[in-house]
C-alpha atoms as a PDB file:
ATOM      1  CA  MET A   1       0.000   0.000   0.000  1.00  0.00           C
ATOM      2  CA  LYS A   2       1.675   3.186  -1.188  1.00  0.00           C
ATOM      3  CA  LYS A   3       1.349   6.589   0.506  1.00  0.00           C
ATOM      4  CA  ASN A   4       2.841   9.672  -1.114  1.00  0.00           C
ATOM      5  CA  VAL A   5       3.012  11.849   2.016  1.00  0.00           C
ATOM      6  CA  LEU A   6       4.158  10.757   5.489  1.00  0.00           C
ATOM      7  CA  HIS A   7       4.473   7.229   4.162  1.00  0.00           C
ATOM      8  CA  GLY A   8       6.688   5.942   6.997  1.00  0.00           C
ATOM      9  CA  PRO A   9       7.500   3.533   8.502  1.00  0.00           C
ATOM     10  CA  TYR A  10       7.260   5.592  11.672  1.00  0.00           C
ATOM     11  CA  PHE A  11       7.483   4.220  15.218  1.00  0.00           C
ATOM     12  CA  PRO A  12       8.096   6.774  18.006  1.00  0.00           C
ATOM     13  CA  LYS A  13       9.567   5.773  21.355  1.00  0.00           C
ATOM     14  CA  HIS A  14       7.182   5.657  24.301  1.00  0.00           C
ATOM     15  CA  ALA A  15       9.353   8.224  26.090  1.00  0.00           C
ATOM     16  CA  ASP A  16       8.793  10.715  23.253  1.00  0.00           C
ATOM     17  CA  ASN A  17       4.995  10.565  23.468  1.00  0.00           C
ATOM     18  CA  LEU A  18       3.594  14.078  23.952  1.00  0.00           C
ATOM     19  CA  MET A  19       0.280  12.740  25.245  1.00  0.00           C
ATOM     20  CA  GLY A  20       0.035  12.045  28.959  1.00  0.00           C
ATOM     21  CA  SER A  21      -0.664   8.773  30.795  1.00  0.00           C
ATOM     22  CA  GLU A  22       0.151   6.404  27.937  1.00  0.00           C
ATOM     23  CA  GLY A  23      -1.026   2.918  28.868  1.00  0.00           C
ATOM     24  CA  SER A  24      -2.480   4.011  32.221  1.00  0.00           C
ATOM     25  CA  VAL A  25      -5.877   2.329  31.860  1.00  0.00           C
ATOM     26  CA  SER A  26      -6.521   2.417  35.626  1.00  0.00           C
ATOM     27  CA  LEU A  27      -5.990   6.175  35.721  1.00  0.00           C
ATOM     28  CA  ALA A  28      -8.138   6.638  32.603  1.00  0.00           C
ATOM     29  CA  ARG A  29     -10.950   4.650  34.204  1.00  0.00           C
ATOM     30  CA  GLU A  30     -10.706   6.447  37.544  1.00  0.00           C
ATOM     31  CA  THR A  31     -10.635   9.858  35.865  1.00  0.00           C
ATOM     32  CA  PHE A  32     -13.599   9.137  33.607  1.00  0.00           C
ATOM     33  CA  PHE A  33     -15.819   7.699  36.312  1.00  0.00           C
ATOM     34  CA  GLY A  34     -14.846  10.552  38.624  1.00  0.00           C
ATOM     35  CA  LYS A  35     -15.891  13.184  36.089  1.00  0.00           C
ATOM     36  CA  ARG A  36     -17.533  11.886  32.967  1.00  0.00           C
ATOM     37  CA  PHE A  37     -15.823  14.279  30.568  1.00  0.00           C
ATOM     38  CA  ARG A  38     -18.479  15.192  28.020  1.00  0.00           C
ATOM     39  CA  ASN A  39     -16.260  15.168  24.918  1.00  0.00           C
ATOM     40  CA  LEU A  40     -14.910  11.685  25.632  1.00  0.00           C
ATOM     41  CA  ASP A  41     -18.333  10.379  26.649  1.00  0.00           C
ATOM     42  CA  TYR A  42     -19.672  11.573  23.280  1.00  0.00           C
ATOM     43  CA  LEU A  43     -16.838   9.864  21.385  1.00  0.00           C
ATOM     44  CA  LEU A  44     -17.238   6.567  23.238  1.00  0.00           C
ATOM     45  CA  ARG A  45     -20.989   6.634  22.642  1.00  0.00           C
ATOM     46  CA  PHE A  46     -20.302   7.146  18.927  1.00  0.00           C
ATOM     47  CA  ARG A  47     -17.827   4.260  18.883  1.00  0.00           C
ATOM     48  CA  TYR A  48     -19.992   1.725  20.712  1.00  0.00           C
ATOM     49  CA  GLU A  49     -23.706   2.450  20.287  1.00  0.00           C
ATOM     50  CA  TRP A  50     -23.794   1.474  16.597  1.00  0.00           C
ATOM     51  CA  MET A  51     -22.948  -2.072  17.723  1.00  0.00           C
ATOM     52  CA  ASN A  52     -26.252  -2.421  19.593  1.00  0.00           C
ATOM     53  CA  GLN A  53     -28.140  -3.347  16.425  1.00  0.00           C
ATOM     54  CA  TYR A  54     -26.047  -6.548  16.303  1.00  0.00           C
ATOM     55  CA  LEU A  55     -26.527  -7.521  19.964  1.00  0.00           C
ATOM     56  CA  ALA A  56     -29.343  -9.566  21.475  1.00  0.00           C
ATOM     57  CA  GLU A  57     -30.256 -11.222  24.754  1.00  0.00           C
ATOM     58  CA  ASN A  58     -29.020 -14.707  25.597  1.00  0.00           C
ATOM     59  CA  LYS A  59     -25.984 -14.376  23.350  1.00  0.00           C
ATOM     60  CA  VAL A  60     -22.381 -14.983  24.383  1.00  0.00           C
ATOM     61  CA  ILE A  61     -20.656 -11.648  23.807  1.00  0.00           C
ATOM     62  CA  ILE A  62     -17.014 -10.999  24.632  1.00  0.00           C
ATOM     63  CA  GLU A  63     -14.917  -7.893  24.258  1.00  0.00           C
ATOM     64  CA  ILE A  64     -11.277  -8.514  23.408  1.00  0.00           C
ATOM     65  CA  GLY A  65      -8.679  -6.051  24.675  1.00  0.00           C
ATOM     66  CA  ALA A  66     -11.260  -4.096  26.637  1.00  0.00           C
ATOM     67  CA  GLY A  67      -8.723  -1.664  28.104  1.00  0.00           C
ATOM     68  CA  ALA A  68     -10.413   0.600  30.641  1.00  0.00           C
ATOM     69  CA  GLY A  69     -13.676  -1.333  30.266  1.00  0.00           C
ATOM     70  CA  PHE A  70     -15.980   1.505  29.183  1.00  0.00           C
ATOM     71  CA  SER A  71     -18.121  -0.513  26.760  1.00  0.00           C
ATOM     72  CA  PRO A  72     -20.881  -1.604  29.221  1.00  0.00           C
ATOM     73  CA  LEU A  73     -21.844   2.063  29.575  1.00  0.00           C
ATOM     74  CA  TYR A  74     -22.940   2.158  25.928  1.00  0.00           C
ATOM     75  CA  LEU A  75     -23.884  -1.393  24.917  1.00  0.00           C
ATOM     76  CA  SER A  76     -27.426  -2.729  25.322  1.00  0.00           C
ATOM     77  CA  GLN A  77     -26.064  -6.164  26.279  1.00  0.00           C
ATOM     78  CA  LYS A  78     -23.092  -6.388  28.618  1.00  0.00           C
ATOM     79  CA  PRO A  79     -20.115  -8.244  27.123  1.00  0.00           C
ATOM     80  CA  ILE A  80     -17.698 -10.409  29.052  1.00  0.00           C
ATOM     81  CA  ILE A  81     -14.800  -8.024  29.633  1.00  0.00           C
ATOM     82  CA  THR A  82     -11.488  -9.606  28.651  1.00  0.00           C
ATOM     83  CA  ASP A  83      -7.955  -8.343  28.263  1.00  0.00           C
ATOM     84  CA  ALA A  84      -4.350  -9.495  28.262  1.00  0.00           C
ATOM     85  CA  VAL A  85      -3.813  -7.521  31.489  1.00  0.00           C
ATOM     86  CA  ASP A  86      -5.400  -8.604  34.783  1.00  0.00           C
ATOM     87  CA  ASN A  87      -7.061  -5.374  35.902  1.00  0.00           C
ATOM     88  CA  PRO A  88      -9.776  -5.559  38.608  1.00  0.00           C
ATOM     89  CA  TRP A  89     -12.634  -4.979  36.158  1.00  0.00           C
ATOM     90  CA  VAL A  90     -11.388  -7.632  33.699  1.00  0.00           C
ATOM     91  CA  GLU A  91     -13.516 -10.766  33.977  1.00  0.00           C
ATOM     92  CA  LYS A  92     -11.300 -13.136  31.997  1.00  0.00           C
ATOM     93  CA  PHE A  93      -7.663 -13.018  30.937  1.00  0.00           C
ATOM     94  CA  ILE A  94      -7.566 -13.576  27.180  1.00  0.00           C
ATOM     95  CA  ASP A  95      -4.667 -13.412  24.760  1.00  0.00           C
ATOM     96  CA  ALA A  96      -6.353 -12.357  21.504  1.00  0.00           C
ATOM     97  CA  THR A  97      -3.859 -14.389  19.477  1.00  0.00           C
ATOM     98  CA  ASN A  98      -4.315 -17.535  21.580  1.00  0.00           C
ATOM     99  CA  MET A  99      -7.806 -17.497  23.079  1.00  0.00           C
ATOM    100  CA  ASP A 100      -8.567 -19.813  25.980  1.00  0.00           C
ATOM    101  CA  ILE A 101     -12.198 -20.175  24.870  1.00  0.00           C
ATOM    102  CA  GLU A 102     -14.156 -23.234  23.865  1.00  0.00           C
ATOM    103  CA  HIS A 103     -14.483 -23.943  20.149  1.00  0.00           C
ATOM    104  CA  ASP A 104     -17.737 -22.691  18.529  1.00  0.00           C
ATOM    105  CA  SER A 105     -18.964 -21.094  21.770  1.00  0.00           C
ATOM    106  CA  VAL A 106     -19.144 -17.315  21.129  1.00  0.00           C
ATOM    107  CA  ASP A 107     -21.864 -15.349  19.309  1.00  0.00           C
ATOM    108  CA  VAL A 108     -20.213 -11.909  19.173  1.00  0.00           C
ATOM    109  CA  ILE A 109     -16.625 -10.701  19.481  1.00  0.00           C
ATOM    110  CA  ILE A 110     -16.104  -6.973  20.018  1.00  0.00           C
ATOM    111  CA  ALA A 111     -12.715  -5.418  19.239  1.00  0.00           C
ATOM    112  CA  SER A 112     -12.576  -1.655  19.718  1.00  0.00           C
ATOM    113  CA  HIS A 113      -9.258   0.105  19.057  1.00  0.00           C
ATOM    114  CA  THR A 114      -7.238  -2.908  20.088  1.00  0.00           C
ATOM    115  CA  MET A 115      -6.430  -4.813  16.900  1.00  0.00           C
ATOM    116  CA  HIS A 116      -3.691  -2.392  15.807  1.00  0.00           C
ATOM    117  CA  HIS A 117      -1.819  -3.418  18.985  1.00  0.00           C
ATOM    118  CA  PHE A 118      -1.786  -7.151  18.171  1.00  0.00           C
ATOM    119  CA  TYR A 119       1.554  -8.575  17.100  1.00  0.00           C
ATOM    120  CA  SER A 120      -0.265 -10.907  14.680  1.00  0.00           C
ATOM    121  CA  PRO A 121      -3.686  -9.869  13.369  1.00  0.00           C
ATOM    122  CA  PHE A 122      -3.604 -13.065  11.288  1.00  0.00           C
ATOM    123  CA  LYS A 123      -3.570 -15.192  14.457  1.00  0.00           C
ATOM    124  CA  PHE A 124      -6.364 -13.095  15.953  1.00  0.00           C
ATOM    125  CA  PHE A 125      -8.707 -13.843  13.058  1.00  0.00           C
ATOM    126  CA  LYS A 126      -7.761 -17.503  13.050  1.00  0.00           C
ATOM    127  CA  GLU A 127      -8.692 -17.631  16.726  1.00  0.00           C
ATOM    128  CA  CYS A 128     -11.977 -15.891  15.921  1.00  0.00           C
ATOM    129  CA  GLU A 129     -12.700 -18.535  13.270  1.00  0.00           C
ATOM    130  CA  SER A 130     -12.251 -21.169  15.941  1.00  0.00           C
ATOM    131  CA  VAL A 131     -14.228 -19.730  18.863  1.00  0.00           C
ATOM    132  CA  LEU A 132     -17.145 -18.143  16.978  1.00  0.00           C
ATOM    133  CA  LYS A 133     -20.323 -20.082  16.410  1.00  0.00           C
ATOM    134  CA  ASN A 134     -21.654 -20.452  12.874  1.00  0.00           C
ATOM    135  CA  ASP A 135     -23.250 -17.127  11.930  1.00  0.00           C
ATOM    136  CA  GLY A 136     -21.327 -15.409  14.738  1.00  0.00           C
ATOM    137  CA  ILE A 137     -19.966 -11.924  14.155  1.00  0.00           C
ATOM    138  CA  ILE A 138     -16.973  -9.707  14.891  1.00  0.00           C
ATOM    139  CA  LEU A 139     -17.694  -6.025  15.550  1.00  0.00           C
ATOM    140  CA  ILE A 140     -14.656  -3.840  14.957  1.00  0.00           C
ATOM    141  CA  GLN A 141     -14.113  -0.148  15.649  1.00  0.00           C
ATOM    142  CA  GLU A 142     -10.607   0.814  14.645  1.00  0.00           C
ATOM    143  CA  ILE A 143      -8.175   3.531  13.697  1.00  0.00           C
ATOM    144  CA  ASN A 144      -7.655   4.544  10.065  1.00  0.00           C
ATOM    145  CA  THR A 145      -4.361   5.990   8.866  1.00  0.00           C
ATOM    146  CA  SER A 146      -5.629   8.799   6.670  1.00  0.00           C
ATOM    147  CA  LEU A 147      -3.286  11.699   5.996  1.00  0.00           C
ATOM    148  CA  LEU A 148      -4.710  13.625   8.954  1.00  0.00           C
ATOM    149  CA  MET A 149      -4.239  10.654  11.291  1.00  0.00           C
ATOM    150  CA  ARG A 150      -0.634  10.195  10.217  1.00  0.00           C
ATOM    151  CA  LEU A 151      -0.055  13.914  10.761  1.00  0.00           C
ATOM    152  CA  LEU A 152      -1.589  13.790  14.255  1.00  0.00           C
ATOM    153  CA  LEU A 153       0.459  10.724  15.176  1.00  0.00           C
ATOM    154  CA  ARG A 154       3.651  12.450  14.052  1.00  0.00           C
ATOM    155  CA  LEU A 155       2.827  15.694  15.832  1.00  0.00           C
ATOM    156  CA  MET A 156       1.992  13.963  19.131  1.00  0.00           C
ATOM    157  CA  ARG A 157       4.550  11.131  18.725  1.00  0.00           C
ATOM    158  CA  HIS A 158       1.847   8.892  20.086  1.00  0.00           C
ATOM    159  CA  GLU A 159       1.743   5.727  17.975  1.00  0.00           C
ATOM    160  CA  GLY A 160       3.289   4.618  14.713  1.00  0.00           C
ATOM    161  CA  TRP A 161       2.625   2.791  11.497  1.00  0.00           C
ATOM    162  CA  SER A 162       4.244   0.699   8.808  1.00  0.00           C
ATOM    163  CA  TYR A 163       2.801  -0.471   5.505  1.00  0.00           C
ATOM    164  CA  ASP A 164       5.893  -2.622   4.948  1.00  0.00           C
ATOM    165  CA  VAL A 165       4.368  -5.742   6.500  1.00  0.00           C
ATOM    166  CA  ASN A 166       2.071  -8.436   5.159  1.00  0.00           C
ATOM    167  CA  VAL A 167      -0.908  -8.695   7.515  1.00  0.00           C
ATOM    168  CA  PHE A 168      -2.114 -11.789   5.618  1.00  0.00           C
ATOM    169  CA  ASP A 169       1.063 -13.767   6.341  1.00  0.00           C
ATOM    170  CA  GLN A 170       0.678 -16.111   9.313  1.00  0.00           C
ATOM    171  CA  ASN A 171       4.363 -15.670  10.170  1.00  0.00           C
ATOM    172  CA  GLU A 172       4.469 -11.878   9.950  1.00  0.00           C
ATOM    173  CA  ILE A 173       5.074  -9.936  13.179  1.00  0.00           C
ATOM    174  CA  VAL A 174       3.579  -6.446  12.827  1.00  0.00           C
ATOM    175  CA  ASN A 175       4.207  -5.197  16.395  1.00  0.00           C
ATOM    176  CA  ASP A 176       6.610  -5.806  19.255  1.00  0.00           C
ATOM    177  CA  LYS A 177       5.317  -9.032  20.803  1.00  0.00           C
ATOM    178  CA  SER A 178       6.778  -8.149  24.210  1.00  0.00           C
ATOM    179  CA  ASP A 179       5.104  -4.713  24.344  1.00  0.00           C
ATOM    180  CA  LEU A 180       1.303  -4.648  24.692  1.00  0.00           C
ATOM    181  CA  TRP A 181       1.260  -0.924  23.836  1.00  0.00           C
ATOM    182  CA  SER A 182       3.254  -1.357  20.659  1.00  0.00           C
ATOM    183  CA  ALA A 183       1.067  -0.051  17.828  1.00  0.00           C
ATOM    184  CA  ASN A 184       1.002  -0.371  14.058  1.00  0.00           C
ATOM    185  CA  CYS A 185      -1.914   1.883  13.155  1.00  0.00           C
ATOM    186  CA  ALA A 186      -1.770   0.868   9.480  1.00  0.00           C
ATOM    187  CA  VAL A 187      -3.005  -2.664  10.269  1.00  0.00           C
ATOM    188  CA  PRO A 188      -6.785  -2.042   9.958  1.00  0.00           C
ATOM    189  CA  GLU A 189      -6.370  -0.226   6.652  1.00  0.00           C
ATOM    190  CA  MET A 190      -4.213  -3.007   5.231  1.00  0.00           C
ATOM    191  CA  LEU A 191      -6.683  -5.649   6.392  1.00  0.00           C
ATOM    192  CA  PHE A 192      -9.846  -4.050   5.033  1.00  0.00           C
ATOM    193  CA  ASN A 193      -8.798  -1.781   2.180  1.00  0.00           C
ATOM    194  CA  ASP A 194      -9.193  -4.818  -0.097  1.00  0.00           C
ATOM    195  CA  VAL A 195     -12.064  -6.895   1.277  1.00  0.00           C
ATOM    196  CA  SER A 196     -11.607  -9.584  -1.366  1.00  0.00           C
ATOM    197  CA  GLN A 197      -8.097 -10.304  -0.113  1.00  0.00           C
ATOM    198  CA  PHE A 198      -9.342 -10.548   3.466  1.00  0.00           C
ATOM    199  CA  GLU A 199     -12.134 -12.960   2.500  1.00  0.00           C
ATOM    200  CA  SER A 200      -9.828 -15.111   0.393  1.00  0.00           C
ATOM    201  CA  THR A 201      -7.380 -15.393   3.296  1.00  0.00           C
ATOM    202  CA  PHE A 202     -10.070 -16.112   5.887  1.00  0.00           C
ATOM    203  CA  SER A 203     -12.498 -18.119   3.794  1.00  0.00           C
ATOM    204  CA  THR A 204     -15.054 -18.710   6.563  1.00  0.00           C
ATOM    205  CA  PHE A 205     -15.610 -14.972   6.968  1.00  0.00           C
ATOM    206  CA  LYS A 206     -17.804 -12.513   5.070  1.00  0.00           C
ATOM    207  CA  VAL A 207     -17.329  -8.747   5.522  1.00  0.00           C
ATOM    208  CA  GLU A 208     -20.837  -7.325   5.829  1.00  0.00           C
ATOM    209  CA  ARG A 209     -19.938  -3.757   6.700  1.00  0.00           C
ATOM    210  CA  ASN A 210     -16.772  -1.770   6.082  1.00  0.00           C
ATOM    211  CA  GLU A 211     -17.053   1.988   6.398  1.00  0.00           C
ATOM    212  CA  LEU A 212     -14.863   4.926   7.275  1.00  0.00           C
ATOM    213  CA  CYS A 213     -15.917   7.390   9.956  1.00  0.00           C
ATOM    214  CA  GLU A 214     -14.766   9.891  12.568  1.00  0.00           C
ATOM    215  CA  CYS A 215     -12.553  12.927  12.188  1.00  0.00           C
ATOM    216  CA  LEU A 216     -12.382  15.963  14.489  1.00  0.00           C
ATOM    217  CA  LEU A 217     -14.440  14.214  17.150  1.00  0.00           C
ATOM    218  CA  PHE A 218     -11.409  12.150  18.118  1.00  0.00           C
ATOM    219  CA  PRO A 219      -8.910  14.983  18.831  1.00  0.00           C
ATOM    220  CA  ALA A 220     -11.742  16.964  20.475  1.00  0.00           C
ATOM    221  CA  SER A 221     -12.155  14.104  22.992  1.00  0.00           C
ATOM    222  CA  GLY A 222      -8.673  14.603  24.406  1.00  0.00           C
ATOM    223  CA  GLY A 223      -7.937  10.883  24.054  1.00  0.00           C
ATOM    224  CA  VAL A 224      -9.349   7.724  25.632  1.00  0.00           C
ATOM    225  CA  ILE A 225      -6.320   6.392  27.547  1.00  0.00           C
ATOM    226  CA  SER A 226      -3.474   8.724  26.606  1.00  0.00           C
ATOM    227  CA  LYS A 227      -4.519  12.308  27.227  1.00  0.00           C
ATOM    228  CA  ALA A 228      -4.152  15.796  25.808  1.00  0.00           C
ATOM    229  CA  LYS A 229      -5.857  18.804  27.408  1.00  0.00           C
ATOM    230  CA  VAL A 230      -8.894  20.080  25.527  1.00  0.00           C
ATOM    231  CA  PRO A 231     -11.814  22.285  26.644  1.00  0.00           C
ATOM    232  CA  GLU A 232     -15.117  20.610  27.512  1.00  0.00           C
ATOM    233  CA  LEU A 233     -17.700  21.372  24.857  1.00  0.00           C
ATOM    234  CA  PRO A 234     -21.505  21.583  24.988  1.00  0.00           C
ATOM    235  CA  VAL A 235     -23.467  18.776  23.332  1.00  0.00           C
ATOM    236  CA  PHE A 236     -24.820  21.007  20.562  1.00  0.00           C
ATOM    237  CA  PHE A 237     -21.237  21.852  19.528  1.00  0.00           C
ATOM    238  CA  LEU A 238     -20.227  18.181  19.606  1.00  0.00           C
ATOM    239  CA  ASN A 239     -23.245  17.462  17.398  1.00  0.00           C
ATOM    240  CA  MET A 240     -21.957  20.078  14.953  1.00  0.00           C
ATOM    241  CA  ILE A 241     -18.508  18.467  14.957  1.00  0.00           C
ATOM    242  CA  LEU A 242     -20.035  15.070  14.214  1.00  0.00           C
ATOM    243  CA  ALA A 243     -22.059  16.498  11.307  1.00  0.00           C
ATOM    244  CA  PHE A 244     -18.948  18.208   9.935  1.00  0.00           C
ATOM    245  CA  ASP A 245     -16.984  14.959  10.367  1.00  0.00           C
ATOM    246  CA  ARG A 246     -19.493  13.110   8.209  1.00  0.00           C
ATOM    247  CA  PHE A 247     -19.105  15.735   5.502  1.00  0.00           C
ATOM    248  CA  LEU A 248     -15.287  15.594   5.614  1.00  0.00           C
ATOM    249  CA  VAL A 249     -15.175  11.781   5.529  1.00  0.00           C
ATOM    250  CA  ARG A 250     -17.610  11.708   2.626  1.00  0.00           C
ATOM    251  CA  ILE A 251     -15.726  14.220   0.425  1.00  0.00           C
ATOM    252  CA  ALA A 252     -12.128  13.143   1.182  1.00  0.00           C
ATOM    253  CA  PRO A 253     -11.825   9.911   3.208  1.00  0.00           C
ATOM    254  CA  ASN A 254      -8.146   9.418   2.400  1.00  0.00           C
ATOM    255  CA  ILE A 255      -7.407  12.760   4.029  1.00  0.00           C
ATOM    256  CA  PHE A 256      -9.884  12.997   6.887  1.00  0.00           C
ATOM    257  CA  ALA A 257     -11.201   9.580   8.006  1.00  0.00           C
ATOM    258  CA  LEU A 258      -9.649   8.707  11.374  1.00  0.00           C
ATOM    259  CA  GLY A 259     -11.802   5.659  12.087  1.00  0.00           C
ATOM    260  CA  ARG A 260     -13.229   2.513  10.539  1.00  0.00           C
ATOM    261  CA  ARG A 261     -16.210   0.277  11.381  1.00  0.00           C
ATOM    262  CA  VAL A 262     -16.224  -3.339  10.249  1.00  0.00           C
ATOM    263  CA  VAL A 263     -18.722  -6.168  10.709  1.00  0.00           C
ATOM    264  CA  ILE A 264     -17.557  -9.682   9.855  1.00  0.00           C
ATOM    265  CA  ARG A 265     -19.798 -12.748   9.890  1.00  0.00           C
ATOM    266  CA  LYS A 266     -18.699 -16.353  10.135  1.00  0.00           C
ATOM    267  CA  LEU A 267     -20.337 -18.316   7.347  1.00  0.00           C
ATOM    268  CA  LEU A 268     -22.305 -21.466   8.058  1.00  0.00           C
ATOM    269  CA  THR A 269     -20.029 -24.486   7.945  1.00  0.00           C
ATOM    270  CA  VAL A 270     -20.747 -28.180   8.237  1.00  0.00           C
END
């Protein structure tokens, strides 16, 4: 995948990050529940509530890499909160690339802004193929490395990207395996820019939804885990930002789209 501007690879050191509290999920959770910052609350609602149309009662729903565990605030059905770090709110320790879950036992897997941290997205989807029931789905909210996102990442030295990896190679390592906060933000774009390649690699999966979204709403939030100071905005102004975001993403997605939504269904197999 070729980029003409800010093409990378680019991987900043954690010590150079200009955003505060990188990786401090406990602090992020404590801060948010102490004062539910309106801008971030609005962003999280935008990132999670669209998933509700795919959720139903009496279904086994798990969230992989749940981080600070904010999703139950916005989802109509509470998922089982899992992560590769044993925080107090985490209900089950799960390595997304080697899931300790029974075969064909899960109806819905939620992965929100976690997949670009996996050292092997290939192994993650192979694990999903194994643990999902027939007709089960994966709901993905992820980063998208548009020009604006690459510019923001460079300015804040927050996370990096590289297009010089093959995400469809089972042996490819796209992140530092020993560092859970290692990030290759190009991974979602490489996985879903060409849906046909994804579906040919993972033949039991069908991509039902694949759309770009989000722009200024993300920097206006001040960040979910890592933080930058921003003023709290009234809801009517956040609504205006969201409307403007939709316009920007529609007219120039390669420049402005900072997010991506994907729905993947496991096909019926014998």
